[in-house]
Amino acid sequence: MAFQRACGLAELTDGEALGVEVDGLDVALVMVGEEVFAIEDECSHAAVALSEGDVEGCTLECWMHGSRFDLRTGKPTGPPATEPVPVFPVRIDGDDVLIDLA
């Protein structure tokens, strides 16, 4: 696994998504309590930034049409999306949030 720095832990706010670019890929990072999730920052239904959507528990809702995705699996939990969004392993190293895009 090749973990890369995505952002500083202090840049994340519990229950809010943060859009970052890692190695040319747009990624949405979401802190839920003590856990941080990384999901590709593009809705599989409308190709818009998921990081602009709302977080509810471990679900991220797309702002455009309301598709909902499980942050743990990337699978859609509400229509109109039917295709999952890639998720990435996350590791916290000191004050840094690292993700593995492989």
PDB file of N, CA and C in Angstrom:
ATOM      1  N   MET A   1       0.842  -1.189   0.000  1.00  0.00           N
ATOM      2  CA  MET A   1       0.000   0.000   0.000  1.00  0.00           C
ATOM      3  C   MET A   1       0.882   1.246   0.000  1.00  0.00           C
ATOM      4  N   ALA A   2       0.482   2.205  -0.802  1.00  0.00           N
ATOM      5  CA  ALA A   2       1.243   3.444  -0.915  1.00  0.00           C
ATOM      6  C   ALA A   2       0.392   4.597  -0.408  1.00  0.00           C
ATOM      7  N   PHE A   3       0.449   4.833   0.890  1.00  0.00           N
ATOM      8  CA  PHE A   3      -0.339   5.916   1.475  1.00  0.00           C
ATOM      9  C   PHE A   3       0.289   7.260   1.133  1.00  0.00           C
ATOM     10  N   GLN A   4      -0.585   8.229   0.791  1.00  0.00           N
ATOM     11  CA  GLN A   4      -0.153   9.581   0.462  1.00  0.00           C
ATOM     12  C   GLN A   4      -0.924  10.570   1.333  1.00  0.00           C
ATOM     13  N   ARG A   5      -0.281  11.697   1.629  1.00  0.00           N
ATOM     14  CA  ARG A   5      -0.936  12.716   2.451  1.00  0.00           C
ATOM     15  C   ARG A   5      -2.080  13.344   1.672  1.00  0.00           C
ATOM     16  N   ALA A   6      -3.254  13.403   2.313  1.00  0.00           N
ATOM     17  CA  ALA A   6      -4.422  14.022   1.700  1.00  0.00           C
ATOM     18  C   ALA A   6      -4.682  15.410   2.278  1.00  0.00           C
ATOM     19  N   CYS A   7      -4.488  15.544   3.604  1.00  0.00           N
ATOM     20  CA  CYS A   7      -4.696  16.825   4.270  1.00  0.00           C
ATOM     21  C   CYS A   7      -4.232  16.697   5.714  1.00  0.00           C
ATOM     22  N   GLY A   8      -4.310  17.796   6.429  1.00  0.00           N
ATOM     23  CA  GLY A   8      -4.039  17.775   7.854  1.00  0.00           C
ATOM     24  C   GLY A   8      -5.310  17.400   8.604  1.00  0.00           C
ATOM     25  N   LEU A   9      -5.173  16.670   9.690  1.00  0.00           N
ATOM     26  CA  LEU A   9      -6.332  16.248  10.481  1.00  0.00           C
ATOM     27  C   LEU A   9      -7.142  17.458  10.947  1.00  0.00           C
ATOM     28  N   ALA A  10      -6.472  18.559  11.246  1.00  0.00           N
ATOM     29  CA  ALA A  10      -7.141  19.770  11.729  1.00  0.00           C
ATOM     30  C   ALA A  10      -8.028  20.417  10.664  1.00  0.00           C
ATOM     31  N   GLU A  11      -7.833  20.049   9.393  1.00  0.00           N
ATOM     32  CA  GLU A  11      -8.641  20.619   8.312  1.00  0.00           C
ATOM     33  C   GLU A  11     -10.033  19.997   8.244  1.00  0.00           C
ATOM     34  N   LEU A  12     -10.224  18.869   8.935  1.00  0.00           N
ATOM     35  CA  LEU A  12     -11.506  18.170   8.893  1.00  0.00           C
ATOM     36  C   LEU A  12     -12.409  18.605  10.035  1.00  0.00           C
ATOM     37  N   THR A  13     -13.706  18.699   9.741  1.00  0.00           N
ATOM     38  CA  THR A  13     -14.723  19.014  10.733  1.00  0.00           C
ATOM     39  C   THR A  13     -15.674  17.833  10.804  1.00  0.00           C
ATOM     40  N   ASP A  14     -15.964  17.393  12.008  1.00  0.00           N
ATOM     41  CA  ASP A  14     -16.849  16.243  12.199  1.00  0.00           C
ATOM     42  C   ASP A  14     -18.183  16.463  11.493  1.00  0.00           C
ATOM     43  N   GLY A  15     -18.576  15.502  10.645  1.00  0.00           N
ATOM     44  CA  GLY A  15     -19.861  15.568   9.970  1.00  0.00           C
ATOM     45  C   GLY A  15     -19.896  16.428   8.732  1.00  0.00           C
ATOM     46  N   GLU A  16     -18.725  16.841   8.238  1.00  0.00           N
ATOM     47  CA  GLU A  16     -18.671  17.643   7.014  1.00  0.00           C
ATOM     48  C   GLU A  16     -17.668  17.030   6.057  1.00  0.00           C
ATOM     49  N   ALA A  17     -17.947  17.147   4.764  1.00  0.00           N
ATOM     50  CA  ALA A  17     -17.049  16.620   3.737  1.00  0.00           C
ATOM     51  C   ALA A  17     -16.069  17.708   3.307  1.00  0.00           C
ATOM     52  N   LEU A  18     -14.834  17.273   3.007  1.00  0.00           N
ATOM     53  CA  LEU A  18     -13.797  18.174   2.505  1.00  0.00           C
ATOM     54  C   LEU A  18     -13.282  17.602   1.199  1.00  0.00           C
ATOM     55  N   GLY A  19     -13.338  18.390   0.134  1.00  0.00           N
ATOM     56  CA  GLY A  19     -12.811  17.963  -1.153  1.00  0.00           C
ATOM     57  C   GLY A  19     -11.332  18.287  -1.258  1.00  0.00           C
ATOM     58  N   VAL A  20     -10.533  17.284  -1.630  1.00  0.00           N
ATOM     59  CA  VAL A  20      -9.093  17.452  -1.816  1.00  0.00           C
ATOM     60  C   VAL A  20      -8.691  16.756  -3.113  1.00  0.00           C
ATOM     61  N   GLU A  21      -7.494  17.088  -3.600  1.00  0.00           N
ATOM     62  CA  GLU A  21      -6.950  16.387  -4.757  1.00  0.00           C
ATOM     63  C   GLU A  21      -5.702  15.645  -4.309  1.00  0.00           C
ATOM     64  N   VAL A  22      -5.662  14.348  -4.619  1.00  0.00           N
ATOM     65  CA  VAL A  22      -4.511  13.525  -4.274  1.00  0.00           C
ATOM     66  C   VAL A  22      -4.055  12.813  -5.544  1.00  0.00           C
ATOM     67  N   ASP A  23      -2.845  13.099  -5.958  1.00  0.00           N
ATOM     68  CA  ASP A  23      -2.276  12.450  -7.141  1.00  0.00           C
ATOM     69  C   ASP A  23      -3.199  12.578  -8.358  1.00  0.00           C
ATOM     70  N   GLY A  24      -3.793  13.765  -8.533  1.00  0.00           N
ATOM     71  CA  GLY A  24      -4.645  14.037  -9.686  1.00  0.00           C
ATOM     72  C   GLY A  24      -6.076  13.532  -9.567  1.00  0.00           C
ATOM     73  N   LEU A  25      -6.433  12.929  -8.444  1.00  0.00           N
ATOM     74  CA  LEU A  25      -7.785  12.406  -8.248  1.00  0.00           C
ATOM     75  C   LEU A  25      -8.513  13.233  -7.196  1.00  0.00           C
ATOM     76  N   ASP A  26      -9.761  13.608  -7.490  1.00  0.00           N
ATOM     77  CA  ASP A  26     -10.579  14.338  -6.522  1.00  0.00           C
ATOM     78  C   ASP A  26     -11.155  13.351  -5.518  1.00  0.00           C
ATOM     79  N   VAL A  27     -10.937  13.642  -4.236  1.00  0.00           N
ATOM     80  CA  VAL A  27     -11.357  12.766  -3.151  1.00  0.00           C
ATOM     81  C   VAL A  27     -12.136  13.589  -2.133  1.00  0.00           C
ATOM     82  N   ALA A  28     -13.228  13.019  -1.608  1.00  0.00           N
ATOM     83  CA  ALA A  28     -13.970  13.640  -0.514  1.00  0.00           C
ATOM     84  C   ALA A  28     -13.561  12.931   0.773  1.00  0.00           C
ATOM     85  N   LEU A  29     -13.108  13.698   1.748  1.00  0.00           N
ATOM     86  CA  LEU A  29     -12.754  13.166   3.060  1.00  0.00           C
ATOM     87  C   LEU A  29     -13.846  13.557   4.040  1.00  0.00           C
ATOM     88  N   VAL A  30     -14.255  12.606   4.866  1.00  0.00           N
ATOM     89  CA  VAL A  30     -15.325  12.867   5.820  1.00  0.00           C
ATOM     90  C   VAL A  30     -14.927  12.299   7.176  1.00  0.00           C
ATOM     91  N   MET A  31     -14.983  13.155   8.207  1.00  0.00           N
ATOM     92  CA  MET A  31     -14.741  12.702   9.574  1.00  0.00           C
ATOM     93  C   MET A  31     -16.096  12.459  10.231  1.00  0.00           C
ATOM     94  N   VAL A  32     -16.246  11.248  10.780  1.00  0.00           N
ATOM     95  CA  VAL A  32     -17.451  10.892  11.524  1.00  0.00           C
ATOM     96  C   VAL A  32     -16.968  10.399  12.879  1.00  0.00           C
ATOM     97  N   GLY A  33     -17.113  11.247  13.887  1.00  0.00           N
ATOM     98  CA  GLY A  33     -16.580  10.908  15.209  1.00  0.00           C
ATOM     99  C   GLY A  33     -15.069  10.811  15.152  1.00  0.00           C
ATOM    100  N   GLU A  34     -14.536   9.649  15.499  1.00  0.00           N
ATOM    101  CA  GLU A  34     -13.088   9.434  15.488  1.00  0.00           C
ATOM    102  C   GLU A  34     -12.591   8.846  14.174  1.00  0.00           C
ATOM    103  N   GLU A  35     -13.509   8.529  13.268  1.00  0.00           N
ATOM    104  CA  GLU A  35     -13.142   7.845  12.030  1.00  0.00           C
ATOM    105  C   GLU A  35     -13.121   8.809  10.853  1.00  0.00           C
ATOM    106  N   VAL A  36     -12.181   8.570   9.910  1.00  0.00           N
ATOM    107  CA  VAL A  36     -12.112   9.372   8.694  1.00  0.00           C
ATOM    108  C   VAL A  36     -12.295   8.443   7.503  1.00  0.00           C
ATOM    109  N   PHE A  37     -13.149   8.863   6.576  1.00  0.00           N
ATOM    110  CA  PHE A  37     -13.434   8.089   5.375  1.00  0.00           C
ATOM    111  C   PHE A  37     -12.977   8.860   4.147  1.00  0.00           C
ATOM    112  N   ALA A  38     -12.566   8.123   3.107  1.00  0.00           N
ATOM    113  CA  ALA A  38     -12.174   8.728   1.830  1.00  0.00           C
ATOM    114  C   ALA A  38     -12.971   8.055   0.720  1.00  0.00           C
ATOM    115  N   ILE A  39     -13.646   8.874  -0.079  1.00  0.00           N
ATOM    116  CA  ILE A  39     -14.483   8.385  -1.172  1.00  0.00           C
ATOM    117  C   ILE A  39     -14.217   9.261  -2.388  1.00  0.00           C
ATOM    118  N   GLU A  40     -14.243   8.675  -3.574  1.00  0.00           N
ATOM    119  CA  GLU A  40     -14.010   9.484  -4.768  1.00  0.00           C
ATOM    120  C   GLU A  40     -15.035  10.613  -4.811  1.00  0.00           C
ATOM    121  N   ASP A  41     -14.553  11.815  -5.133  1.00  0.00           N
ATOM    122  CA  ASP A  41     -15.397  13.013  -5.053  1.00  0.00           C
ATOM    123  C   ASP A  41     -16.179  13.242  -6.341  1.00  0.00           C
ATOM    124  N   GLU A  42     -16.879  12.184  -6.784  1.00  0.00           N
ATOM    125  CA  GLU A  42     -17.726  12.328  -7.963  1.00  0.00           C
ATOM    126  C   GLU A  42     -18.902  11.371  -7.855  1.00  0.00           C
ATOM    127  N   CYS A  43     -20.082  11.920  -7.895  1.00  0.00           N
ATOM    128  CA  CYS A  43     -21.300  11.106  -7.837  1.00  0.00           C
ATOM    129  C   CYS A  43     -21.351  10.203  -9.070  1.00  0.00           C
ATOM    130  N   SER A  44     -21.664   8.931  -8.861  1.00  0.00           N
ATOM    131  CA  SER A  44     -21.730   7.987  -9.976  1.00  0.00           C
ATOM    132  C   SER A  44     -22.975   8.209 -10.851  1.00  0.00           C
ATOM    133  N   HIS A  45     -23.887   9.032 -10.380  1.00  0.00           N
ATOM    134  CA  HIS A  45     -25.100   9.304 -11.146  1.00  0.00           C
ATOM    135  C   HIS A  45     -24.969  10.570 -11.990  1.00  0.00           C
ATOM    136  N   ALA A  46     -24.495  11.664 -11.380  1.00  0.00           N
ATOM    137  CA  ALA A  46     -24.521  12.940 -12.083  1.00  0.00           C
ATOM    138  C   ALA A  46     -23.144  13.559 -12.305  1.00  0.00           C
ATOM    139  N   ALA A  47     -22.075  12.889 -11.890  1.00  0.00           N
ATOM    140  CA  ALA A  47     -20.706  13.381 -12.082  1.00  0.00           C
ATOM    141  C   ALA A  47     -20.499  14.788 -11.512  1.00  0.00           C
ATOM    142  N   VAL A  48     -21.008  15.018 -10.303  1.00  0.00           N
ATOM    143  CA  VAL A  48     -20.777  16.272  -9.589  1.00  0.00           C
ATOM    144  C   VAL A  48     -20.059  15.951  -8.276  1.00  0.00           C
ATOM    145  N   ALA A  49     -19.495  16.983  -7.659  1.00  0.00           N
ATOM    146  CA  ALA A  49     -18.691  16.796  -6.447  1.00  0.00           C
ATOM    147  C   ALA A  49     -19.544  16.374  -5.253  1.00  0.00           C
ATOM    148  N   LEU A  50     -19.245  15.184  -4.714  1.00  0.00           N
ATOM    149  CA  LEU A  50     -19.947  14.721  -3.514  1.00  0.00           C
ATOM    150  C   LEU A  50     -19.562  15.537  -2.285  1.00  0.00           C
ATOM    151  N   SER A  51     -18.370  16.142  -2.300  1.00  0.00           N
ATOM    152  CA  SER A  51     -17.906  16.911  -1.140  1.00  0.00           C
ATOM    153  C   SER A  51     -18.777  18.128  -0.870  1.00  0.00           C
ATOM    154  N   GLU A  52     -19.620  18.499  -1.828  1.00  0.00           N
ATOM    155  CA  GLU A  52     -20.535  19.630  -1.627  1.00  0.00           C
ATOM    156  C   GLU A  52     -21.868  19.177  -1.031  1.00  0.00           C
ATOM    157  N   GLY A  53     -21.987  17.873  -0.777  1.00  0.00           N
ATOM    158  CA  GLY A  53     -23.231  17.327  -0.253  1.00  0.00           C
ATOM    159  C   GLY A  53     -23.267  17.294   1.261  1.00  0.00           C
ATOM    160  N   ASP A  54     -24.324  16.684   1.791  1.00  0.00           N
ATOM    161  CA  ASP A  54     -24.547  16.623   3.232  1.00  0.00           C
ATOM    162  C   ASP A  54     -24.162  15.256   3.785  1.00  0.00           C
ATOM    163  N   VAL A  55     -23.600  15.274   4.998  1.00  0.00           N
ATOM    164  CA  VAL A  55     -23.223  14.050   5.695  1.00  0.00           C
ATOM    165  C   VAL A  55     -24.264  13.765   6.766  1.00  0.00           C
ATOM    166  N   GLU A  56     -24.702  12.507   6.813  1.00  0.00           N
ATOM    167  CA  GLU A  56     -25.610  12.075   7.871  1.00  0.00           C
ATOM    168  C   GLU A  56     -25.134  10.702   8.327  1.00  0.00           C
ATOM    169  N   GLY A  57     -24.532  10.659   9.508  1.00  0.00           N
ATOM    170  CA  GLY A  57     -23.940   9.412   9.974  1.00  0.00           C
ATOM    171  C   GLY A  57     -22.822   8.998   9.036  1.00  0.00           C
ATOM    172  N   CYS A  58     -22.873   7.765   8.549  1.00  0.00           N
ATOM    173  CA  CYS A  58     -21.867   7.265   7.603  1.00  0.00           C
ATOM    174  C   CYS A  58     -22.370   7.311   6.171  1.00  0.00           C
ATOM    175  N   THR A  59     -23.222   8.299   5.884  1.00  0.00           N
ATOM    176  CA  THR A  59     -23.784   8.455   4.548  1.00  0.00           C
ATOM    177  C   THR A  59     -23.496   9.858   4.030  1.00  0.00           C
ATOM    178  N   LEU A  60     -23.138   9.931   2.739  1.00  0.00           N
ATOM    179  CA  LEU A  60     -22.907  11.211   2.073  1.00  0.00           C
ATOM    180  C   LEU A  60     -23.958  11.357   0.982  1.00  0.00           C
ATOM    181  N   GLU A  61     -24.699  12.454   1.025  1.00  0.00           N
ATOM    182  CA  GLU A  61     -25.773  12.694   0.067  1.00  0.00           C
ATOM    183  C   GLU A  61     -25.334  13.696  -0.988  1.00  0.00           C
ATOM    184  N   CYS A  62     -25.517  13.341  -2.243  1.00  0.00           N
ATOM    185  CA  CYS A  62     -25.185  14.237  -3.347  1.00  0.00           C
ATOM    186  C   CYS A  62     -26.149  15.427  -3.338  1.00  0.00           C
ATOM    187  N   TRP A  63     -25.591  16.608  -3.496  1.00  0.00           N
ATOM    188  CA  TRP A  63     -26.390  17.829  -3.431  1.00  0.00           C
ATOM    189  C   TRP A  63     -27.319  18.000  -4.629  1.00  0.00           C
ATOM    190  N   MET A  64     -27.001  17.362  -5.772  1.00  0.00           N
ATOM    191  CA  MET A  64     -27.778  17.632  -6.976  1.00  0.00           C
ATOM    192  C   MET A  64     -29.101  16.870  -7.037  1.00  0.00           C
ATOM    193  N   HIS A  65     -29.052  15.549  -6.933  1.00  0.00           N
ATOM    194  CA  HIS A  65     -30.278  14.754  -7.078  1.00  0.00           C
ATOM    195  C   HIS A  65     -30.605  13.913  -5.852  1.00  0.00           C
ATOM    196  N   GLY A  66     -29.780  14.016  -4.804  1.00  0.00           N
ATOM    197  CA  GLY A  66     -30.101  13.324  -3.565  1.00  0.00           C
ATOM    198  C   GLY A  66     -29.627  11.885  -3.464  1.00  0.00           C
ATOM    199  N   SER A  67     -28.785  11.429  -4.407  1.00  0.00           N
ATOM    200  CA  SER A  67     -28.219  10.082  -4.265  1.00  0.00           C
ATOM    201  C   SER A  67     -27.439  10.023  -2.963  1.00  0.00           C
ATOM    202  N   ARG A  68     -27.499   8.874  -2.288  1.00  0.00           N
ATOM    203  CA  ARG A  68     -26.804   8.720  -1.011  1.00  0.00           C
ATOM    204  C   ARG A  68     -25.826   7.555  -1.120  1.00  0.00           C
ATOM    205  N   PHE A  69     -24.646   7.732  -0.515  1.00  0.00           N
ATOM    206  CA  PHE A  69     -23.597   6.715  -0.588  1.00  0.00           C
ATOM    207  C   PHE A  69     -23.087   6.386   0.804  1.00  0.00           C
ATOM    208  N   ASP A  70     -22.877   5.095   1.052  1.00  0.00           N
ATOM    209  CA  ASP A  70     -22.290   4.631   2.309  1.00  0.00           C
ATOM    210  C   ASP A  70     -20.798   4.944   2.271  1.00  0.00           C
ATOM    211  N   LEU A  71     -20.313   5.702   3.238  1.00  0.00           N
ATOM    212  CA  LEU A  71     -18.903   6.107   3.268  1.00  0.00           C
ATOM    213  C   LEU A  71     -17.969   4.927   3.481  1.00  0.00           C
ATOM    214  N   ARG A  72     -18.464   3.843   4.050  1.00  0.00           N
ATOM    215  CA  ARG A  72     -17.627   2.670   4.328  1.00  0.00           C
ATOM    216  C   ARG A  72     -17.431   1.803   3.098  1.00  0.00           C
ATOM    217  N   THR A  73     -18.444   1.756   2.219  1.00  0.00           N
ATOM    218  CA  THR A  73     -18.404   0.840   1.078  1.00  0.00           C
ATOM    219  C   THR A  73     -18.468   1.540  -0.273  1.00  0.00           C
ATOM    220  N   GLY A  74     -18.969   2.776  -0.288  1.00  0.00           N
ATOM    221  CA  GLY A  74     -19.173   3.485  -1.547  1.00  0.00           C
ATOM    222  C   GLY A  74     -20.466   3.101  -2.252  1.00  0.00           C
ATOM    223  N   LYS A  75     -21.185   2.139  -1.700  1.00  0.00           N
ATOM    224  CA  LYS A  75     -22.410   1.666  -2.355  1.00  0.00           C
ATOM    225  C   LYS A  75     -23.542   2.674  -2.169  1.00  0.00           C
ATOM    226  N   PRO A  76     -24.364   2.849  -3.210  1.00  0.00           N
ATOM    227  CA  PRO A  76     -25.503   3.758  -3.080  1.00  0.00           C
ATOM    228  C   PRO A  76     -26.536   3.191  -2.109  1.00  0.00           C
ATOM    229  N   THR A  77     -27.064   4.059  -1.264  1.00  0.00           N
ATOM    230  CA  THR A  77     -28.093   3.644  -0.312  1.00  0.00           C
ATOM    231  C   THR A  77     -29.418   4.329  -0.616  1.00  0.00           C
ATOM    232  N   GLY A  78     -29.429   5.160  -1.642  1.00  0.00           N
ATOM    233  CA  GLY A  78     -30.655   5.835  -2.047  1.00  0.00           C
ATOM    234  C   GLY A  78     -30.553   6.269  -3.493  1.00  0.00           C
ATOM    235  N   PRO A  79     -31.670   6.193  -4.246  1.00  0.00           N
ATOM    236  CA  PRO A  79     -31.668   6.558  -5.655  1.00  0.00           C
ATOM    237  C   PRO A  79     -31.450   8.062  -5.840  1.00  0.00           C
ATOM    238  N   PRO A  80     -31.116   8.486  -7.053  1.00  0.00           N
ATOM    239  CA  PRO A  80     -31.171   7.729  -8.298  1.00  0.00           C
ATOM    240  C   PRO A  80     -29.884   6.947  -8.632  1.00  0.00           C
ATOM    241  N   ALA A  81     -28.807   7.091  -7.886  1.00  0.00           N
ATOM    242  CA  ALA A  81     -27.567   6.369  -8.204  1.00  0.00           C
ATOM    243  C   ALA A  81     -27.757   4.871  -8.030  1.00  0.00           C
ATOM    244  N   THR A  82     -27.158   4.098  -8.940  1.00  0.00           N
ATOM    245  CA  THR A  82     -27.197   2.638  -8.851  1.00  0.00           C
ATOM    246  C   THR A  82     -25.790   2.048  -8.812  1.00  0.00           C
ATOM    247  N   GLU A  83     -24.780   2.837  -9.176  1.00  0.00           N
ATOM    248  CA  GLU A  83     -23.395   2.367  -9.214  1.00  0.00           C
ATOM    249  C   GLU A  83     -22.638   2.881  -7.988  1.00  0.00           C
ATOM    250  N   PRO A  84     -21.760   2.051  -7.411  1.00  0.00           N
ATOM    251  CA  PRO A  84     -20.967   2.509  -6.267  1.00  0.00           C
ATOM    252  C   PRO A  84     -19.894   3.526  -6.662  1.00  0.00           C
ATOM    253  N   VAL A  85     -19.367   4.200  -5.676  1.00  0.00           N
ATOM    254  CA  VAL A  85     -18.267   5.151  -5.840  1.00  0.00           C
ATOM    255  C   VAL A  85     -17.061   4.542  -5.115  1.00  0.00           C
ATOM    256  N   PRO A  86     -15.868   4.594  -5.723  1.00  0.00           N
ATOM    257  CA  PRO A  86     -14.696   4.009  -5.065  1.00  0.00           C
ATOM    258  C   PRO A  86     -14.404   4.649  -3.702  1.00  0.00           C
ATOM    259  N   VAL A  87     -14.026   3.801  -2.749  1.00  0.00           N
ATOM    260  CA  VAL A  87     -13.571   4.267  -1.434  1.00  0.00           C
ATOM    261  C   VAL A  87     -12.114   3.857  -1.273  1.00  0.00           C
ATOM    262  N   PHE A  88     -11.403   4.549  -0.387  1.00  0.00           N
ATOM    263  CA  PHE A  88      -9.967   4.328  -0.233  1.00  0.00           C
ATOM    264  C   PHE A  88      -9.612   4.150   1.241  1.00  0.00           C
ATOM    265  N   PRO A  89      -8.636   3.273   1.525  1.00  0.00           N
ATOM    266  CA  PRO A  89      -8.168   3.113   2.905  1.00  0.00           C
ATOM    267  C   PRO A  89      -7.587   4.416   3.434  1.00  0.00           C
ATOM    268  N   VAL A  90      -7.848   4.687   4.716  1.00  0.00           N
ATOM    269  CA  VAL A  90      -7.370   5.908   5.375  1.00  0.00           C
ATOM    270  C   VAL A  90      -6.522   5.514   6.574  1.00  0.00           C
ATOM    271  N   ARG A  91      -5.456   6.270   6.787  1.00  0.00           N
ATOM    272  CA  ARG A  91      -4.611   6.082   7.958  1.00  0.00           C
ATOM    273  C   ARG A  91      -4.272   7.464   8.512  1.00  0.00           C
ATOM    274  N   ILE A  92      -4.307   7.598   9.838  1.00  0.00           N
ATOM    275  CA  ILE A  92      -3.911   8.850  10.489  1.00  0.00           C
ATOM    276  C   ILE A  92      -2.479   8.665  10.979  1.00  0.00           C
ATOM    277  N   ASP A  93      -1.614   9.598  10.599  1.00  0.00           N
ATOM    278  CA  ASP A  93      -0.210   9.552  10.998  1.00  0.00           C
ATOM    279  C   ASP A  93       0.125  10.899  11.645  1.00  0.00           C
ATOM    280  N   GLY A  94       0.076  10.927  12.967  1.00  0.00           N
ATOM    281  CA  GLY A  94       0.285  12.190  13.673  1.00  0.00           C
ATOM    282  C   GLY A  94      -0.840  13.153  13.351  1.00  0.00           C
ATOM    283  N   ASP A  95      -0.502  14.272  12.706  1.00  0.00           N
ATOM    284  CA  ASP A  95      -1.499  15.280  12.344  1.00  0.00           C
ATOM    285  C   ASP A  95      -1.921  15.177  10.882  1.00  0.00           C
ATOM    286  N   ASP A  96      -1.482  14.138  10.186  1.00  0.00           N
ATOM    287  CA  ASP A  96      -1.760  13.990   8.762  1.00  0.00           C
ATOM    288  C   ASP A  96      -2.786  12.893   8.491  1.00  0.00           C
ATOM    289  N   VAL A  97      -3.637  13.151   7.492  1.00  0.00           N
ATOM    290  CA  VAL A  97      -4.568  12.139   6.996  1.00  0.00           C
ATOM    291  C   VAL A  97      -3.950  11.583   5.724  1.00  0.00           C
ATOM    292  N   LEU A  98      -3.702  10.268   5.709  1.00  0.00           N
ATOM    293  CA  LEU A  98      -3.106   9.601   4.566  1.00  0.00           C
ATOM    294  C   LEU A  98      -4.131   8.673   3.941  1.00  0.00           C
ATOM    295  N   ILE A  99      -4.122   8.597   2.601  1.00  0.00           N
ATOM    296  CA  ILE A  99      -5.010   7.658   1.914  1.00  0.00           C
ATOM    297  C   ILE A  99      -4.210   6.857   0.900  1.00  0.00           C
ATOM    298  N   ASP A 100      -4.727   5.667   0.583  1.00  0.00           N
ATOM    299  CA  ASP A 100      -4.106   4.781  -0.399  1.00  0.00           C
ATOM    300  C   ASP A 100      -5.028   4.690  -1.599  1.00  0.00           C
ATOM    301  N   LEU A 101      -4.579   5.221  -2.745  1.00  0.00           N
ATOM    302  CA  LEU A 101      -5.395   5.220  -3.937  1.00  0.00           C
ATOM    303  C   LEU A 101      -5.295   3.911  -4.721  1.00  0.00           C
ATOM    304  N   ALA A 102      -4.361   3.039  -4.356  1.00  0.00           N
ATOM    305  CA  ALA A 102      -4.131   1.791  -5.125  1.00  0.00           C
ATOM    306  C   ALA A 102      -5.316   0.849  -5.036  1.00  0.00           C
TER     307      ALA A 102
END
